[in-house]
Amino acid sequence: GVIWIASRYGRGPSIVASILSVAAFDFFFVHPYLTFSVTDTEYVLTFAVMLVTALTISTLTVRLRRQAEAAREREQRAAALYAMSRDLTAAKDTDEILQAAARHISSVFLSQVLLLLPDQDGRVTERAGESVTYIFDTREQAVAQWVYDHGRMAGKTTDTLPAAKGLYLPLKTSRGIVGVLGVHPADPRLLVSPERLHFLEAFANQIALAVEYPSRWRAVCN
């Protein structure tokens, strides 16, 4: 029972189950029955051993569960990155690269997405994404431009310009910044954890390489 609860509900409920299992053993199987009184002091040591064993088993089960979840999540992330890289490789030009990237990021992160590239004057402009539903006003434009100019993430869920509706990441390559990725999640909590942000950055890195070196990107992926 403790193992099942630990594998399904986590550490807290499994600790409660461990304590209740020892209490139930005392109540039903230790004389005097149907009471929590203990007349034989040897049972105190027995209860302690039972409790420690149950807690150890629950801790190990929870740890295994977390490791399995982490492995499954890594596999899903690798599959998502591979799926996008495959579509980026099949794209014929920059516009198709950006549209494919926006589609994948929107699906994986449950977000509205914009991809912006600089014009001749260095001002980032919309090139792909959901510009109809993504509210990209002058304030959002200013945040995206700041990200392009400074090469740093900014916007929602960050400490830099957090009043923005979207989260903006620079598209970086070894030669510099080639554009900006804007993400407006349906639930901002989806992008709070460092793991999710690193995952999003991995997408941004792939997009940046594909945008700057489309022919080389296809050669590397093939």
N, C-alpha and C. Protein backbone atom coordinates (compact mmCIF):
# COMPACT_ATOMS: atom_id res chain seq x y z
N GLY A 1 0.80 -1.20 0.00
CA GLY A 1 0.00 0.00 0.00
C GLY A 1 0.84 1.26 0.00
N VAL A 2 1.91 1.26 0.82
CA VAL A 2 2.78 2.43 0.90
C VAL A 2 3.46 2.66 -0.44
N ILE A 3 3.92 1.58 -1.08
CA ILE A 3 4.60 1.71 -2.37
C ILE A 3 3.64 2.27 -3.42
N TRP A 4 2.42 1.78 -3.44
CA TRP A 4 1.43 2.25 -4.42
C TRP A 4 1.13 3.73 -4.22
N ILE A 5 0.94 4.13 -2.97
CA ILE A 5 0.64 5.54 -2.68
C ILE A 5 1.83 6.42 -3.03
N ALA A 6 3.05 5.97 -2.70
CA ALA A 6 4.24 6.76 -3.01
C ALA A 6 4.42 6.93 -4.51
N SER A 7 4.18 5.85 -5.27
CA SER A 7 4.37 5.93 -6.72
C SER A 7 3.29 6.76 -7.40
N ARG A 8 2.13 6.86 -6.76
CA ARG A 8 1.01 7.56 -7.40
C ARG A 8 0.84 8.99 -6.90
N TYR A 9 1.05 9.22 -5.59
CA TYR A 9 0.72 10.52 -5.02
C TYR A 9 1.90 11.30 -4.46
N GLY A 10 3.06 10.66 -4.30
CA GLY A 10 4.23 11.41 -3.85
C GLY A 10 4.59 11.19 -2.39
N ARG A 11 5.56 11.99 -1.93
CA ARG A 11 6.18 11.77 -0.62
C ARG A 11 5.24 12.05 0.55
N GLY A 12 4.53 13.18 0.53
CA GLY A 12 3.67 13.54 1.65
C GLY A 12 2.64 12.48 1.98
N PRO A 13 1.79 12.10 1.02
CA PRO A 13 0.81 11.05 1.29
C PRO A 13 1.43 9.72 1.69
N SER A 14 2.62 9.41 1.15
CA SER A 14 3.25 8.13 1.50
C SER A 14 3.72 8.13 2.95
N ILE A 15 4.17 9.29 3.46
CA ILE A 15 4.56 9.38 4.87
C ILE A 15 3.35 9.16 5.77
N VAL A 16 2.23 9.79 5.39
CA VAL A 16 0.99 9.60 6.16
C VAL A 16 0.58 8.14 6.13
N ALA A 17 0.69 7.51 4.97
CA ALA A 17 0.32 6.09 4.85
C ALA A 17 1.23 5.22 5.71
N SER A 18 2.51 5.57 5.78
CA SER A 18 3.45 4.80 6.61
C SER A 18 3.05 4.86 8.08
N ILE A 19 2.72 6.05 8.55
CA ILE A 19 2.32 6.22 9.95
C ILE A 19 1.01 5.50 10.23
N LEU A 20 0.06 5.62 9.30
CA LEU A 20 -1.23 4.97 9.49
C LEU A 20 -1.11 3.44 9.47
N SER A 21 -0.19 2.92 8.66
CA SER A 21 -0.03 1.46 8.61
C SER A 21 0.50 0.92 9.93
N VAL A 22 1.43 1.64 10.54
CA VAL A 22 1.94 1.22 11.86
C VAL A 22 0.85 1.34 12.91
N ALA A 23 0.08 2.43 12.85
CA ALA A 23 -1.01 2.62 13.81
C ALA A 23 -2.07 1.54 13.65
N ALA A 24 -2.37 1.16 12.41
CA ALA A 24 -3.36 0.11 12.16
C ALA A 24 -2.88 -1.24 12.69
N PHE A 25 -1.59 -1.51 12.51
CA PHE A 25 -1.04 -2.76 13.04
C PHE A 25 -1.18 -2.81 14.56
N ASP A 26 -0.87 -1.69 15.21
CA ASP A 26 -1.01 -1.62 16.66
C ASP A 26 -2.47 -1.80 17.08
N PHE A 27 -3.38 -1.15 16.36
CA PHE A 27 -4.79 -1.15 16.76
C PHE A 27 -5.44 -2.53 16.61
N PHE A 28 -5.10 -3.24 15.52
CA PHE A 28 -5.81 -4.48 15.22
C PHE A 28 -5.07 -5.75 15.65
N PHE A 29 -3.74 -5.70 15.73
CA PHE A 29 -3.00 -6.95 15.91
C PHE A 29 -2.15 -7.02 17.18
N VAL A 30 -2.11 -5.96 17.96
CA VAL A 30 -1.30 -5.96 19.18
C VAL A 30 -2.22 -5.91 20.39
N HIS A 31 -1.96 -6.81 21.34
CA HIS A 31 -2.75 -6.86 22.57
C HIS A 31 -2.41 -5.66 23.46
N PRO A 32 -3.42 -5.00 24.08
CA PRO A 32 -4.87 -5.22 23.96
C PRO A 32 -5.39 -4.71 22.62
N TYR A 33 -6.28 -5.50 22.00
CA TYR A 33 -6.79 -5.19 20.68
C TYR A 33 -7.75 -4.01 20.70
N LEU A 34 -7.91 -3.40 19.52
CA LEU A 34 -8.83 -2.27 19.30
C LEU A 34 -8.51 -1.09 20.21
N THR A 35 -7.25 -0.92 20.49
CA THR A 35 -6.79 0.24 21.26
C THR A 35 -5.35 0.52 20.86
N PHE A 36 -4.93 1.73 21.08
CA PHE A 36 -3.56 2.09 20.73
C PHE A 36 -2.60 1.91 21.91
N SER A 37 -3.09 1.36 23.00
CA SER A 37 -2.24 1.11 24.17
C SER A 37 -1.26 -0.03 23.86
N VAL A 38 -0.05 0.08 24.39
CA VAL A 38 0.97 -0.94 24.19
C VAL A 38 1.48 -1.37 25.57
N THR A 39 1.23 -2.64 25.92
CA THR A 39 1.66 -3.14 27.22
C THR A 39 3.04 -3.77 27.15
N ASP A 40 3.42 -4.28 25.98
CA ASP A 40 4.73 -4.91 25.82
C ASP A 40 5.67 -3.90 25.16
N THR A 41 6.71 -3.50 25.90
CA THR A 41 7.62 -2.47 25.39
C THR A 41 8.41 -2.95 24.16
N GLU A 42 8.48 -4.27 23.95
CA GLU A 42 9.19 -4.76 22.78
C GLU A 42 8.52 -4.29 21.48
N TYR A 43 7.21 -4.09 21.56
CA TYR A 43 6.49 -3.64 20.36
C TYR A 43 6.87 -2.21 19.96
N VAL A 44 7.35 -1.44 20.93
CA VAL A 44 7.77 -0.07 20.59
C VAL A 44 8.91 -0.11 19.58
N LEU A 45 9.88 -1.00 19.83
CA LEU A 45 10.98 -1.15 18.88
C LEU A 45 10.48 -1.69 17.54
N THR A 46 9.52 -2.63 17.62
CA THR A 46 8.94 -3.18 16.38
C THR A 46 8.28 -2.08 15.56
N PHE A 47 7.51 -1.24 16.25
CA PHE A 47 6.84 -0.14 15.55
C PHE A 47 7.86 0.81 14.92
N ALA A 48 8.93 1.08 15.65
CA ALA A 48 9.95 1.99 15.13
C ALA A 48 10.60 1.43 13.87
N VAL A 49 10.92 0.12 13.91
CA VAL A 49 11.52 -0.52 12.74
C VAL A 49 10.55 -0.51 11.57
N MET A 50 9.28 -0.82 11.84
CA MET A 50 8.27 -0.82 10.78
C MET A 50 8.14 0.56 10.16
N LEU A 51 8.13 1.59 11.00
CA LEU A 51 7.96 2.95 10.49
C LEU A 51 9.16 3.38 9.65
N VAL A 52 10.37 3.09 10.16
CA VAL A 52 11.58 3.45 9.40
C VAL A 52 11.61 2.72 8.06
N THR A 53 11.24 1.44 8.08
CA THR A 53 11.23 0.65 6.84
C THR A 53 10.22 1.22 5.84
N ALA A 54 9.03 1.54 6.34
CA ALA A 54 8.00 2.08 5.45
C ALA A 54 8.42 3.43 4.87
N LEU A 55 9.03 4.28 5.72
CA LEU A 55 9.47 5.58 5.24
C LEU A 55 10.60 5.44 4.22
N THR A 56 11.50 4.50 4.46
CA THR A 56 12.60 4.27 3.51
C THR A 56 12.07 3.80 2.16
N ILE A 57 11.13 2.86 2.21
CA ILE A 57 10.54 2.35 0.97
C ILE A 57 9.81 3.46 0.22
N SER A 58 9.06 4.28 0.96
CA SER A 58 8.32 5.35 0.30
C SER A 58 9.27 6.38 -0.32
N THR A 59 10.38 6.68 0.38
CA THR A 59 11.35 7.64 -0.15
C THR A 59 11.99 7.12 -1.43
N LEU A 60 12.39 5.85 -1.42
CA LEU A 60 13.00 5.26 -2.61
C LEU A 60 12.01 5.20 -3.77
N THR A 61 10.76 4.88 -3.45
CA THR A 61 9.75 4.81 -4.51
C THR A 61 9.51 6.17 -5.14
N VAL A 62 9.42 7.20 -4.30
CA VAL A 62 9.23 8.56 -4.82
C VAL A 62 10.42 8.98 -5.67
N ARG A 63 11.64 8.61 -5.22
CA ARG A 63 12.83 8.96 -5.99
C ARG A 63 12.82 8.28 -7.35
N LEU A 64 12.45 7.00 -7.37
CA LEU A 64 12.37 6.28 -8.64
C LEU A 64 11.31 6.88 -9.55
N ARG A 65 10.20 7.29 -8.94
CA ARG A 65 9.14 7.91 -9.74
C ARG A 65 9.62 9.21 -10.38
N ARG A 66 10.34 10.02 -9.61
CA ARG A 66 10.84 11.28 -10.15
C ARG A 66 11.88 11.04 -11.24
N GLN A 67 12.73 10.04 -11.04
CA GLN A 67 13.73 9.73 -12.07
C GLN A 67 13.06 9.26 -13.35
N ALA A 68 12.00 8.45 -13.20
CA ALA A 68 11.28 7.98 -14.38
C ALA A 68 10.60 9.14 -15.10
N GLU A 69 10.01 10.06 -14.32
CA GLU A 69 9.36 11.22 -14.93
C GLU A 69 10.38 12.10 -15.64
N ALA A 70 11.56 12.28 -15.01
CA ALA A 70 12.60 13.10 -15.63
C ALA A 70 13.09 12.47 -16.93
N ALA A 71 13.26 11.15 -16.91
CA ALA A 71 13.70 10.46 -18.13
C ALA A 71 12.66 10.57 -19.23
N ARG A 72 11.39 10.43 -18.85
CA ARG A 72 10.31 10.55 -19.83
C ARG A 72 10.25 11.97 -20.40
N GLU A 73 10.45 12.97 -19.53
CA GLU A 73 10.42 14.35 -20.00
C GLU A 73 11.60 14.64 -20.93
N ARG A 74 12.78 14.10 -20.59
CA ARG A 74 13.94 14.30 -21.48
C ARG A 74 13.69 13.67 -22.84
N GLU A 75 13.06 12.51 -22.84
CA GLU A 75 12.76 11.85 -24.10
C GLU A 75 11.77 12.67 -24.93
N GLN A 76 10.76 13.22 -24.26
CA GLN A 76 9.78 14.05 -24.96
C GLN A 76 10.42 15.32 -25.52
N ARG A 77 11.33 15.91 -24.75
CA ARG A 77 12.01 17.12 -25.21
C ARG A 77 12.88 16.82 -26.42
N ALA A 78 13.61 15.72 -26.35
CA ALA A 78 14.46 15.35 -27.49
C ALA A 78 13.62 15.10 -28.73
N ALA A 79 12.47 14.45 -28.55
CA ALA A 79 11.59 14.18 -29.70
C ALA A 79 11.04 15.47 -30.27
N ALA A 80 10.68 16.42 -29.39
CA ALA A 80 10.14 17.70 -29.86
C ALA A 80 11.19 18.49 -30.63
N LEU A 81 12.42 18.52 -30.12
CA LEU A 81 13.50 19.24 -30.81
C LEU A 81 13.82 18.58 -32.15
N TYR A 82 13.80 17.26 -32.16
CA TYR A 82 14.08 16.55 -33.42
C TYR A 82 12.99 16.83 -34.45
N ALA A 83 11.73 16.84 -34.00
CA ALA A 83 10.63 17.10 -34.93
C ALA A 83 10.76 18.49 -35.54
N MET A 84 11.13 19.49 -34.72
CA MET A 84 11.27 20.83 -35.27
C MET A 84 12.47 20.90 -36.21
N SER A 85 13.60 20.30 -35.82
CA SER A 85 14.78 20.36 -36.68
C SER A 85 14.51 19.70 -38.03
N ARG A 86 13.70 18.66 -38.03
CA ARG A 86 13.35 17.99 -39.29
C ARG A 86 12.55 18.92 -40.19
N ASP A 87 11.60 19.66 -39.60
CA ASP A 87 10.80 20.59 -40.41
C ASP A 87 11.63 21.80 -40.85
N LEU A 88 12.54 22.24 -40.00
CA LEU A 88 13.41 23.36 -40.39
C LEU A 88 14.31 22.95 -41.56
N THR A 89 14.74 21.70 -41.53
CA THR A 89 15.59 21.21 -42.62
C THR A 89 14.82 21.16 -43.94
N ALA A 90 13.53 20.82 -43.86
CA ALA A 90 12.72 20.71 -45.07
C ALA A 90 12.27 22.07 -45.61
N ALA A 91 12.40 23.13 -44.80
CA ALA A 91 11.95 24.46 -45.23
C ALA A 91 12.81 24.97 -46.38
N LYS A 92 12.17 25.67 -47.30
CA LYS A 92 12.86 26.13 -48.51
C LYS A 92 13.48 27.52 -48.35
N ASP A 93 12.93 28.32 -47.43
CA ASP A 93 13.47 29.66 -47.25
C ASP A 93 13.25 30.10 -45.81
N THR A 94 13.66 31.32 -45.51
CA THR A 94 13.58 31.83 -44.14
C THR A 94 12.15 31.90 -43.64
N ASP A 95 11.22 32.32 -44.50
CA ASP A 95 9.83 32.42 -44.07
C ASP A 95 9.27 31.06 -43.66
N GLU A 96 9.59 30.03 -44.42
CA GLU A 96 9.12 28.69 -44.07
C GLU A 96 9.78 28.20 -42.78
N ILE A 97 11.04 28.55 -42.59
CA ILE A 97 11.73 28.19 -41.35
C ILE A 97 11.02 28.80 -40.15
N LEU A 98 10.70 30.07 -40.25
CA LEU A 98 10.05 30.77 -39.14
C LEU A 98 8.65 30.24 -38.89
N GLN A 99 7.90 29.98 -39.94
CA GLN A 99 6.54 29.45 -39.76
C GLN A 99 6.57 28.07 -39.10
N ALA A 100 7.50 27.22 -39.53
CA ALA A 100 7.61 25.89 -38.92
C ALA A 100 8.01 26.00 -37.46
N ALA A 101 8.94 26.90 -37.16
CA ALA A 101 9.39 27.08 -35.78
C ALA A 101 8.25 27.58 -34.90
N ALA A 102 7.50 28.56 -35.39
CA ALA A 102 6.38 29.10 -34.61
C ALA A 102 5.34 28.03 -34.34
N ARG A 103 5.08 27.20 -35.32
CA ARG A 103 4.08 26.14 -35.15
C ARG A 103 4.50 25.15 -34.07
N HIS A 104 5.76 24.75 -34.08
CA HIS A 104 6.24 23.77 -33.10
C HIS A 104 6.26 24.36 -31.69
N ILE A 105 6.75 25.57 -31.55
CA ILE A 105 6.82 26.18 -30.22
C ILE A 105 5.43 26.41 -29.66
N SER A 106 4.50 26.83 -30.50
CA SER A 106 3.13 27.04 -30.05
C SER A 106 2.52 25.74 -29.53
N SER A 107 2.82 24.64 -30.21
CA SER A 107 2.27 23.34 -29.81
C SER A 107 2.91 22.82 -28.53
N VAL A 108 4.22 22.93 -28.42
CA VAL A 108 4.93 22.36 -27.28
C VAL A 108 4.70 23.17 -26.01
N PHE A 109 4.69 24.50 -26.13
CA PHE A 109 4.59 25.36 -24.95
C PHE A 109 3.20 25.95 -24.74
N LEU A 110 2.24 25.52 -25.55
CA LEU A 110 0.85 25.99 -25.41
C LEU A 110 0.82 27.51 -25.36
N SER A 111 1.44 28.13 -26.33
CA SER A 111 1.63 29.58 -26.32
C SER A 111 1.35 30.19 -27.68
N GLN A 112 1.03 31.47 -27.65
CA GLN A 112 1.05 32.26 -28.87
C GLN A 112 2.50 32.66 -29.13
N VAL A 113 2.88 32.69 -30.38
CA VAL A 113 4.30 32.86 -30.72
C VAL A 113 4.47 33.93 -31.79
N LEU A 114 5.52 34.72 -31.63
CA LEU A 114 5.96 35.65 -32.66
C LEU A 114 7.45 35.47 -32.89
N LEU A 115 7.85 35.56 -34.14
CA LEU A 115 9.27 35.56 -34.48
C LEU A 115 9.56 36.84 -35.22
N LEU A 116 10.58 37.55 -34.75
CA LEU A 116 10.90 38.86 -35.29
C LEU A 116 12.34 38.88 -35.79
N LEU A 117 12.54 39.51 -36.94
CA LEU A 117 13.87 39.67 -37.51
C LEU A 117 14.13 41.16 -37.73
N PRO A 118 15.38 41.57 -37.71
CA PRO A 118 15.70 42.99 -37.88
C PRO A 118 15.60 43.44 -39.34
N ASP A 119 15.20 44.69 -39.52
CA ASP A 119 15.22 45.26 -40.86
C ASP A 119 16.58 45.92 -41.09
N GLN A 120 16.71 46.67 -42.16
CA GLN A 120 18.00 47.29 -42.49
C GLN A 120 18.44 48.31 -41.45
N ASP A 121 17.48 48.86 -40.71
CA ASP A 121 17.81 49.84 -39.68
C ASP A 121 18.01 49.22 -38.30
N GLY A 122 17.94 47.89 -38.23
CA GLY A 122 18.13 47.22 -36.96
C GLY A 122 16.90 47.21 -36.08
N ARG A 123 15.73 47.49 -36.66
CA ARG A 123 14.47 47.44 -35.91
C ARG A 123 13.81 46.09 -36.15
N VAL A 124 13.48 45.38 -35.07
CA VAL A 124 12.88 44.06 -35.24
C VAL A 124 11.42 44.21 -35.68
N THR A 125 11.04 43.39 -36.64
CA THR A 125 9.68 43.40 -37.17
C THR A 125 9.14 41.98 -37.22
N GLU A 126 7.82 41.86 -37.19
CA GLU A 126 7.18 40.55 -37.21
C GLU A 126 7.42 39.86 -38.55
N ARG A 127 7.82 38.60 -38.47
CA ARG A 127 8.02 37.82 -39.69
C ARG A 127 7.19 36.54 -39.70
N ALA A 128 6.82 36.05 -38.52
CA ALA A 128 6.03 34.82 -38.47
C ALA A 128 5.37 34.72 -37.10
N GLY A 129 4.30 33.93 -37.05
CA GLY A 129 3.63 33.70 -35.78
C GLY A 129 2.18 34.10 -35.83
N GLU A 130 1.59 34.26 -34.66
CA GLU A 130 0.17 34.55 -34.54
C GLU A 130 -0.03 36.03 -34.23
N SER A 131 0.29 36.87 -35.19
CA SER A 131 0.21 38.31 -34.96
C SER A 131 -1.22 38.80 -34.77
N VAL A 132 -2.21 37.98 -35.18
CA VAL A 132 -3.60 38.40 -35.02
C VAL A 132 -4.02 38.32 -33.56
N THR A 133 -3.68 37.21 -32.90
CA THR A 133 -4.10 37.02 -31.51
C THR A 133 -3.04 37.47 -30.51
N TYR A 134 -1.80 37.55 -30.93
CA TYR A 134 -0.72 38.01 -30.05
C TYR A 134 -0.76 39.54 -30.02
N ILE A 135 -1.03 40.09 -28.84
CA ILE A 135 -1.14 41.55 -28.72
C ILE A 135 0.26 42.15 -28.71
N PHE A 136 0.72 42.57 -29.89
CA PHE A 136 2.06 43.10 -30.03
C PHE A 136 1.97 44.61 -30.22
N ASP A 137 1.80 45.32 -29.10
CA ASP A 137 1.65 46.77 -29.14
C ASP A 137 3.02 47.44 -29.01
N THR A 138 3.01 48.75 -28.83
CA THR A 138 4.27 49.49 -28.77
C THR A 138 5.13 49.08 -27.57
N ARG A 139 4.47 48.72 -26.46
CA ARG A 139 5.24 48.29 -25.29
C ARG A 139 5.93 46.96 -25.56
N GLU A 140 5.20 46.03 -26.17
CA GLU A 140 5.81 44.75 -26.49
C GLU A 140 6.93 44.93 -27.52
N GLN A 141 6.70 45.83 -28.47
CA GLN A 141 7.73 46.13 -29.47
C GLN A 141 9.00 46.64 -28.81
N ALA A 142 8.82 47.50 -27.80
CA ALA A 142 9.98 48.06 -27.10
C ALA A 142 10.75 46.98 -26.35
N VAL A 143 10.03 46.04 -25.74
CA VAL A 143 10.70 44.95 -25.02
C VAL A 143 11.46 44.06 -26.00
N ALA A 144 10.83 43.72 -27.12
CA ALA A 144 11.49 42.89 -28.12
C ALA A 144 12.73 43.58 -28.67
N GLN A 145 12.64 44.89 -28.88
CA GLN A 145 13.80 45.63 -29.38
C GLN A 145 14.92 45.64 -28.35
N TRP A 146 14.56 45.77 -27.07
CA TRP A 146 15.57 45.75 -26.01
C TRP A 146 16.29 44.40 -26.00
N VAL A 147 15.54 43.33 -26.16
CA VAL A 147 16.14 41.99 -26.18
C VAL A 147 17.10 41.86 -27.36
N TYR A 148 16.70 42.38 -28.50
CA TYR A 148 17.58 42.31 -29.67
C TYR A 148 18.85 43.14 -29.46
N ASP A 149 18.69 44.32 -28.89
CA ASP A 149 19.83 45.21 -28.71
C ASP A 149 20.81 44.71 -27.64
N HIS A 150 20.27 44.06 -26.60
CA HIS A 150 21.12 43.66 -25.47
C HIS A 150 21.45 42.17 -25.45
N GLY A 151 20.75 41.37 -26.25
CA GLY A 151 21.05 39.95 -26.31
C GLY A 151 20.71 39.20 -25.05
N ARG A 152 19.69 39.67 -24.33
CA ARG A 152 19.28 39.03 -23.07
C ARG A 152 17.78 38.79 -23.06
N MET A 153 17.37 37.74 -22.36
CA MET A 153 15.96 37.43 -22.21
C MET A 153 15.28 38.51 -21.36
N ALA A 154 14.03 38.83 -21.69
CA ALA A 154 13.29 39.82 -20.91
C ALA A 154 11.80 39.59 -21.10
N GLY A 155 11.02 40.24 -20.24
CA GLY A 155 9.57 40.14 -20.34
C GLY A 155 8.97 39.34 -19.20
N LYS A 156 7.81 38.81 -19.44
CA LYS A 156 7.04 38.11 -18.42
C LYS A 156 7.82 36.95 -17.83
N THR A 157 7.70 36.77 -16.52
CA THR A 157 8.36 35.73 -15.71
C THR A 157 9.85 35.99 -15.50
N THR A 158 10.37 37.15 -15.98
CA THR A 158 11.77 37.48 -15.75
C THR A 158 11.85 38.71 -14.85
N ASP A 159 13.08 39.07 -14.46
CA ASP A 159 13.28 40.26 -13.64
C ASP A 159 13.51 41.51 -14.49
N THR A 160 13.57 41.33 -15.80
CA THR A 160 13.80 42.45 -16.72
C THR A 160 12.53 42.76 -17.49
N LEU A 161 12.00 43.96 -17.31
CA LEU A 161 10.77 44.39 -17.99
C LEU A 161 9.64 43.37 -17.79
N PRO A 162 9.35 42.99 -16.55
CA PRO A 162 8.37 41.93 -16.29
C PRO A 162 6.92 42.33 -16.58
N ALA A 163 6.65 43.61 -16.81
CA ALA A 163 5.28 44.04 -17.08
C ALA A 163 4.81 43.65 -18.48
N ALA A 164 5.71 43.19 -19.31
CA ALA A 164 5.34 42.79 -20.67
C ALA A 164 4.39 41.60 -20.64
N LYS A 165 3.56 41.49 -21.66
CA LYS A 165 2.63 40.36 -21.75
C LYS A 165 3.33 39.10 -22.22
N GLY A 166 4.41 39.25 -22.98
CA GLY A 166 5.11 38.10 -23.52
C GLY A 166 6.51 37.96 -22.94
N LEU A 167 7.08 36.79 -23.16
CA LEU A 167 8.47 36.51 -22.81
C LEU A 167 9.28 36.54 -24.10
N TYR A 168 10.40 37.26 -24.09
CA TYR A 168 11.18 37.45 -25.32
C TYR A 168 12.60 36.92 -25.14
N LEU A 169 13.04 36.14 -26.12
CA LEU A 169 14.38 35.54 -26.08
C LEU A 169 15.14 35.95 -27.34
N PRO A 170 16.43 36.25 -27.19
CA PRO A 170 17.24 36.56 -28.37
C PRO A 170 17.56 35.29 -29.15
N LEU A 171 17.59 35.40 -30.46
CA LEU A 171 18.03 34.30 -31.31
C LEU A 171 19.53 34.51 -31.54
N LYS A 172 20.34 33.76 -30.80
CA LYS A 172 21.78 33.99 -30.79
C LYS A 172 22.53 32.96 -31.63
N THR A 173 23.57 33.46 -32.29
CA THR A 173 24.55 32.58 -32.93
C THR A 173 25.93 33.09 -32.52
N SER A 174 26.96 32.42 -32.99
CA SER A 174 28.31 32.85 -32.65
C SER A 174 28.63 34.22 -33.22
N ARG A 175 27.89 34.65 -34.23
CA ARG A 175 28.15 35.95 -34.86
C ARG A 175 27.31 37.07 -34.27
N GLY A 176 26.37 36.74 -33.41
CA GLY A 176 25.55 37.79 -32.82
C GLY A 176 24.08 37.42 -32.78
N ILE A 177 23.24 38.44 -32.64
CA ILE A 177 21.80 38.24 -32.53
C ILE A 177 21.17 38.37 -33.92
N VAL A 178 20.38 37.37 -34.30
CA VAL A 178 19.77 37.39 -35.63
C VAL A 178 18.27 37.66 -35.57
N GLY A 179 17.70 37.70 -34.38
CA GLY A 179 16.27 37.95 -34.26
C GLY A 179 15.80 37.77 -32.83
N VAL A 180 14.48 37.73 -32.66
CA VAL A 180 13.87 37.62 -31.33
C VAL A 180 12.70 36.65 -31.41
N LEU A 181 12.59 35.82 -30.40
CA LEU A 181 11.46 34.91 -30.24
C LEU A 181 10.56 35.45 -29.13
N GLY A 182 9.28 35.66 -29.45
CA GLY A 182 8.32 36.11 -28.46
C GLY A 182 7.31 35.02 -28.16
N VAL A 183 7.08 34.76 -26.88
CA VAL A 183 6.17 33.70 -26.45
C VAL A 183 5.19 34.26 -25.44
N HIS A 184 3.90 34.05 -25.71
CA HIS A 184 2.85 34.49 -24.79
C HIS A 184 2.06 33.26 -24.35
N PRO A 185 2.46 32.62 -23.23
CA PRO A 185 1.81 31.37 -22.82
C PRO A 185 0.41 31.58 -22.29
N ALA A 186 -0.44 30.59 -22.51
CA ALA A 186 -1.79 30.65 -21.95
C ALA A 186 -1.74 30.68 -20.43
N ASP A 187 -0.77 29.96 -19.86
CA ASP A 187 -0.55 29.95 -18.42
C ASP A 187 0.91 30.30 -18.17
N PRO A 188 1.21 31.51 -17.65
CA PRO A 188 2.61 31.93 -17.44
C PRO A 188 3.41 30.98 -16.56
N ARG A 189 2.73 30.20 -15.72
CA ARG A 189 3.45 29.28 -14.84
C ARG A 189 4.17 28.19 -15.63
N LEU A 190 3.76 27.98 -16.89
CA LEU A 190 4.40 26.97 -17.71
C LEU A 190 5.85 27.32 -18.04
N LEU A 191 6.20 28.60 -17.89
CA LEU A 191 7.56 29.03 -18.24
C LEU A 191 8.32 29.57 -17.04
N VAL A 192 7.89 29.20 -15.84
CA VAL A 192 8.56 29.70 -14.64
C VAL A 192 9.78 28.86 -14.29
N SER A 193 9.67 27.55 -14.44
CA SER A 193 10.75 26.66 -14.00
C SER A 193 11.98 26.82 -14.89
N PRO A 194 13.18 26.72 -14.30
CA PRO A 194 14.41 26.81 -15.10
C PRO A 194 14.48 25.76 -16.20
N GLU A 195 13.94 24.56 -15.92
CA GLU A 195 13.98 23.50 -16.92
C GLU A 195 13.20 23.89 -18.18
N ARG A 196 12.02 24.48 -17.98
CA ARG A 196 11.21 24.88 -19.14
C ARG A 196 11.88 26.02 -19.91
N LEU A 197 12.51 26.94 -19.18
CA LEU A 197 13.20 28.04 -19.85
C LEU A 197 14.39 27.53 -20.65
N HIS A 198 15.14 26.57 -20.10
CA HIS A 198 16.26 26.00 -20.83
C HIS A 198 15.77 25.27 -22.08
N PHE A 199 14.63 24.61 -21.95
CA PHE A 199 14.04 23.91 -23.09
C PHE A 199 13.67 24.91 -24.18
N LEU A 200 13.05 26.03 -23.78
CA LEU A 200 12.69 27.06 -24.75
C LEU A 200 13.94 27.66 -25.39
N GLU A 201 14.99 27.84 -24.61
CA GLU A 201 16.24 28.37 -25.16
C GLU A 201 16.84 27.41 -26.19
N ALA A 202 16.67 26.11 -25.97
CA ALA A 202 17.16 25.13 -26.94
C ALA A 202 16.43 25.30 -28.28
N PHE A 203 15.13 25.55 -28.22
CA PHE A 203 14.38 25.83 -29.45
C PHE A 203 14.91 27.10 -30.12
N ALA A 204 15.13 28.14 -29.30
CA ALA A 204 15.61 29.41 -29.85
C ALA A 204 16.97 29.24 -30.52
N ASN A 205 17.84 28.43 -29.93
CA ASN A 205 19.17 28.22 -30.51
C ASN A 205 19.07 27.52 -31.87
N GLN A 206 18.19 26.54 -31.97
CA GLN A 206 18.01 25.86 -33.26
C GLN A 206 17.49 26.82 -34.32
N ILE A 207 16.52 27.64 -33.93
CA ILE A 207 15.95 28.60 -34.88
C ILE A 207 17.01 29.58 -35.35
N ALA A 208 17.82 30.07 -34.41
CA ALA A 208 18.85 31.04 -34.77
C ALA A 208 19.82 30.48 -35.79
N LEU A 209 20.26 29.25 -35.58
CA LEU A 209 21.20 28.63 -36.52
C LEU A 209 20.55 28.42 -37.89
N ALA A 210 19.29 28.00 -37.88
CA ALA A 210 18.60 27.76 -39.14
C ALA A 210 18.37 29.07 -39.91
N VAL A 211 18.12 30.16 -39.18
CA VAL A 211 17.88 31.45 -39.84
C VAL A 211 19.17 32.02 -40.41
N GLU A 212 20.27 31.92 -39.67
CA GLU A 212 21.51 32.53 -40.13
C GLU A 212 22.21 31.68 -41.19
N TYR A 213 22.15 30.35 -41.02
CA TYR A 213 22.84 29.47 -41.96
C TYR A 213 21.88 28.43 -42.52
N PRO A 214 20.89 28.82 -43.30
CA PRO A 214 19.90 27.84 -43.76
C PRO A 214 20.50 26.68 -44.56
N SER A 215 21.43 26.98 -45.45
CA SER A 215 22.02 25.90 -46.26
C SER A 215 22.92 25.02 -45.41
N ARG A 216 23.71 25.64 -44.52
CA ARG A 216 24.59 24.86 -43.65
C ARG A 216 23.77 24.03 -42.66
N TRP A 217 22.65 24.61 -42.18
CA TRP A 217 21.78 23.88 -41.25
C TRP A 217 21.25 22.61 -41.89
N ARG A 218 20.80 22.73 -43.14
CA ARG A 218 20.29 21.54 -43.83
C ARG A 218 21.39 20.51 -44.02
N ALA A 219 22.60 20.97 -44.31
CA ALA A 219 23.71 20.03 -44.52
C ALA A 219 24.06 19.30 -43.23
N VAL A 220 24.08 20.04 -42.11
CA VAL A 220 24.41 19.42 -40.82
C VAL A 220 23.35 18.42 -40.42
N CYS A 221 22.07 18.79 -40.57
CA CYS A 221 20.98 17.91 -40.15
C CYS A 221 20.88 16.68 -41.03
N ASN A 222 21.27 16.82 -42.29
CA ASN A 222 21.21 15.67 -43.19
C ASN A 222 22.43 14.77 -43.03
